[in-house]
């Protein structure tokens, strides 16, 4: 089952850079968040990839 989530974020340039850093380095984020859980790491990587695919260029 999937759930569609729509977010509306008001981000300044620094916040956008921080978000881009997260989505540009999903493996590092996943490793830091779920050090010993490869399944959770894979899910985190997938979620960040989905977020990245929805971001528009600024």
N, C-alpha and C. Protein backbone atom coordinates (compact mmCIF):
# COMPACT_ATOMS: atom_id res chain seq x y z
N UNK A 1 0.84 -1.17 0.00
CA UNK A 1 0.00 0.00 0.00
C UNK A 1 0.89 1.24 0.00
N UNK A 2 0.51 2.23 -0.78
CA UNK A 2 1.23 3.49 -0.79
C UNK A 2 0.28 4.61 -0.37
N UNK A 3 0.85 5.66 0.16
CA UNK A 3 0.10 6.84 0.56
C UNK A 3 0.76 8.03 -0.12
N UNK A 4 -0.04 8.85 -0.78
CA UNK A 4 0.50 10.04 -1.42
C UNK A 4 0.55 11.17 -0.39
N UNK A 5 1.72 11.77 -0.26
CA UNK A 5 1.92 12.87 0.68
C UNK A 5 2.35 14.09 -0.12
N UNK A 6 1.69 15.20 0.11
CA UNK A 6 2.05 16.46 -0.54
C UNK A 6 2.52 17.43 0.53
N UNK A 7 3.69 17.99 0.33
CA UNK A 7 4.26 18.93 1.28
C UNK A 7 4.36 20.31 0.64
N UNK A 8 4.17 21.31 1.44
CA UNK A 8 4.39 22.68 1.02
C UNK A 8 5.36 23.28 2.02
N UNK A 9 6.58 23.54 1.57
CA UNK A 9 7.62 24.03 2.47
C UNK A 9 8.05 25.43 2.06
N UNK A 10 8.21 26.31 3.02
CA UNK A 10 8.77 27.64 2.78
C UNK A 10 10.22 27.60 3.24
N UNK A 11 11.13 27.48 2.29
CA UNK A 11 12.55 27.34 2.61
C UNK A 11 13.34 28.51 2.06
N UNK A 12 14.30 28.98 2.85
CA UNK A 12 15.21 29.99 2.32
C UNK A 12 16.32 29.27 1.55
N UNK A 13 17.21 30.02 0.95
CA UNK A 13 18.25 29.43 0.11
C UNK A 13 19.13 28.45 0.88
N UNK A 14 19.46 28.77 2.13
CA UNK A 14 20.28 27.87 2.93
C UNK A 14 19.55 26.57 3.24
N UNK A 15 18.25 26.67 3.51
CA UNK A 15 17.46 25.47 3.78
C UNK A 15 17.35 24.60 2.54
N UNK A 16 17.20 25.22 1.38
CA UNK A 16 17.14 24.46 0.12
C UNK A 16 18.46 23.74 -0.11
N UNK A 17 19.56 24.42 0.17
CA UNK A 17 20.87 23.77 0.04
C UNK A 17 20.98 22.57 0.99
N UNK A 18 20.48 22.72 2.20
CA UNK A 18 20.52 21.61 3.16
C UNK A 18 19.67 20.44 2.67
N UNK A 19 18.49 20.72 2.16
CA UNK A 19 17.63 19.67 1.64
C UNK A 19 18.29 18.98 0.45
N UNK A 20 18.89 19.75 -0.44
CA UNK A 20 19.58 19.16 -1.59
C UNK A 20 20.74 18.28 -1.14
N UNK A 21 21.45 18.69 -0.11
CA UNK A 21 22.54 17.87 0.41
C UNK A 21 22.01 16.52 0.89
N UNK A 22 20.89 16.53 1.59
CA UNK A 22 20.29 15.28 2.05
C UNK A 22 19.92 14.37 0.89
N UNK A 23 19.23 14.91 -0.11
CA UNK A 23 18.76 14.06 -1.21
C UNK A 23 19.89 13.69 -2.16
N UNK A 24 20.96 14.46 -2.17
CA UNK A 24 22.11 14.13 -3.02
C UNK A 24 23.02 13.07 -2.40
N UNK A 25 22.86 12.80 -1.11
CA UNK A 25 23.70 11.83 -0.41
C UNK A 25 22.84 10.85 0.40
N UNK A 26 21.93 10.15 -0.27
CA UNK A 26 21.01 9.28 0.48
C UNK A 26 21.70 8.13 1.22
N UNK A 27 22.78 7.61 0.65
CA UNK A 27 23.47 6.50 1.31
C UNK A 27 24.08 6.94 2.64
N UNK A 28 24.67 8.14 2.66
CA UNK A 28 25.26 8.65 3.89
C UNK A 28 24.18 8.94 4.93
N UNK A 29 23.07 9.51 4.49
CA UNK A 29 21.96 9.78 5.41
C UNK A 29 21.44 8.48 6.00
N UNK A 30 21.24 7.49 5.14
CA UNK A 30 20.71 6.20 5.59
C UNK A 30 21.67 5.51 6.55
N UNK A 31 22.95 5.57 6.26
CA UNK A 31 23.93 4.94 7.13
C UNK A 31 23.94 5.60 8.51
N UNK A 32 23.82 6.92 8.54
CA UNK A 32 23.81 7.64 9.81
C UNK A 32 22.53 7.37 10.60
N UNK A 33 21.42 7.24 9.90
CA UNK A 33 20.12 7.09 10.57
C UNK A 33 19.84 5.66 11.00
N UNK A 34 20.38 4.70 10.26
CA UNK A 34 20.08 3.28 10.54
C UNK A 34 21.34 2.45 10.36
N UNK A 35 22.29 2.70 11.22
CA UNK A 35 23.63 2.13 11.08
C UNK A 35 23.64 0.62 10.90
N UNK A 36 22.82 -0.10 11.64
CA UNK A 36 22.87 -1.57 11.62
C UNK A 36 21.61 -2.21 11.04
N UNK A 37 20.87 -1.46 10.23
CA UNK A 37 19.61 -1.98 9.68
C UNK A 37 19.57 -1.75 8.17
N UNK A 38 20.09 -2.71 7.40
CA UNK A 38 20.15 -2.53 5.95
C UNK A 38 18.78 -2.37 5.30
N UNK A 39 17.76 -2.98 5.85
CA UNK A 39 16.41 -2.82 5.27
C UNK A 39 15.91 -1.40 5.45
N UNK A 40 16.10 -0.84 6.63
CA UNK A 40 15.69 0.54 6.86
C UNK A 40 16.54 1.49 6.01
N UNK A 41 17.82 1.20 5.88
CA UNK A 41 18.67 2.02 5.02
C UNK A 41 18.12 2.05 3.60
N UNK A 42 17.72 0.90 3.07
CA UNK A 42 17.18 0.83 1.72
C UNK A 42 15.90 1.66 1.60
N UNK A 43 15.07 1.61 2.61
CA UNK A 43 13.83 2.40 2.58
C UNK A 43 14.13 3.90 2.62
N UNK A 44 15.08 4.29 3.46
CA UNK A 44 15.46 5.70 3.55
C UNK A 44 16.01 6.18 2.21
N UNK A 45 16.86 5.39 1.60
CA UNK A 45 17.42 5.74 0.29
C UNK A 45 16.31 5.90 -0.73
N UNK A 46 15.34 5.00 -0.71
CA UNK A 46 14.22 5.08 -1.64
C UNK A 46 13.37 6.32 -1.44
N UNK A 47 13.11 6.66 -0.18
CA UNK A 47 12.31 7.85 0.12
C UNK A 47 13.05 9.10 -0.32
N UNK A 48 14.34 9.18 -0.04
CA UNK A 48 15.11 10.36 -0.46
C UNK A 48 15.19 10.47 -1.97
N UNK A 49 15.27 9.34 -2.66
CA UNK A 49 15.27 9.36 -4.13
C UNK A 49 13.94 9.88 -4.65
N UNK A 50 12.85 9.47 -4.03
CA UNK A 50 11.52 9.95 -4.43
C UNK A 50 11.40 11.45 -4.19
N UNK A 51 11.88 11.93 -3.05
CA UNK A 51 11.85 13.36 -2.77
C UNK A 51 12.67 14.11 -3.81
N UNK A 52 13.86 13.60 -4.10
CA UNK A 52 14.73 14.26 -5.09
C UNK A 52 14.05 14.34 -6.45
N UNK A 53 13.34 13.29 -6.83
CA UNK A 53 12.69 13.28 -8.14
C UNK A 53 11.57 14.32 -8.23
N UNK A 54 11.06 14.76 -7.09
CA UNK A 54 9.97 15.73 -7.08
C UNK A 54 10.43 17.18 -6.91
N UNK A 55 11.70 17.37 -6.60
CA UNK A 55 12.21 18.73 -6.42
C UNK A 55 12.38 19.41 -7.77
N UNK A 56 12.04 20.68 -7.82
CA UNK A 56 12.27 21.46 -9.03
C UNK A 56 13.56 22.26 -8.85
N UNK A 57 14.13 22.65 -9.96
CA UNK A 57 15.38 23.42 -9.91
C UNK A 57 15.11 24.85 -9.46
N UNK A 58 16.01 25.38 -8.64
CA UNK A 58 15.94 26.76 -8.18
C UNK A 58 17.22 27.46 -8.51
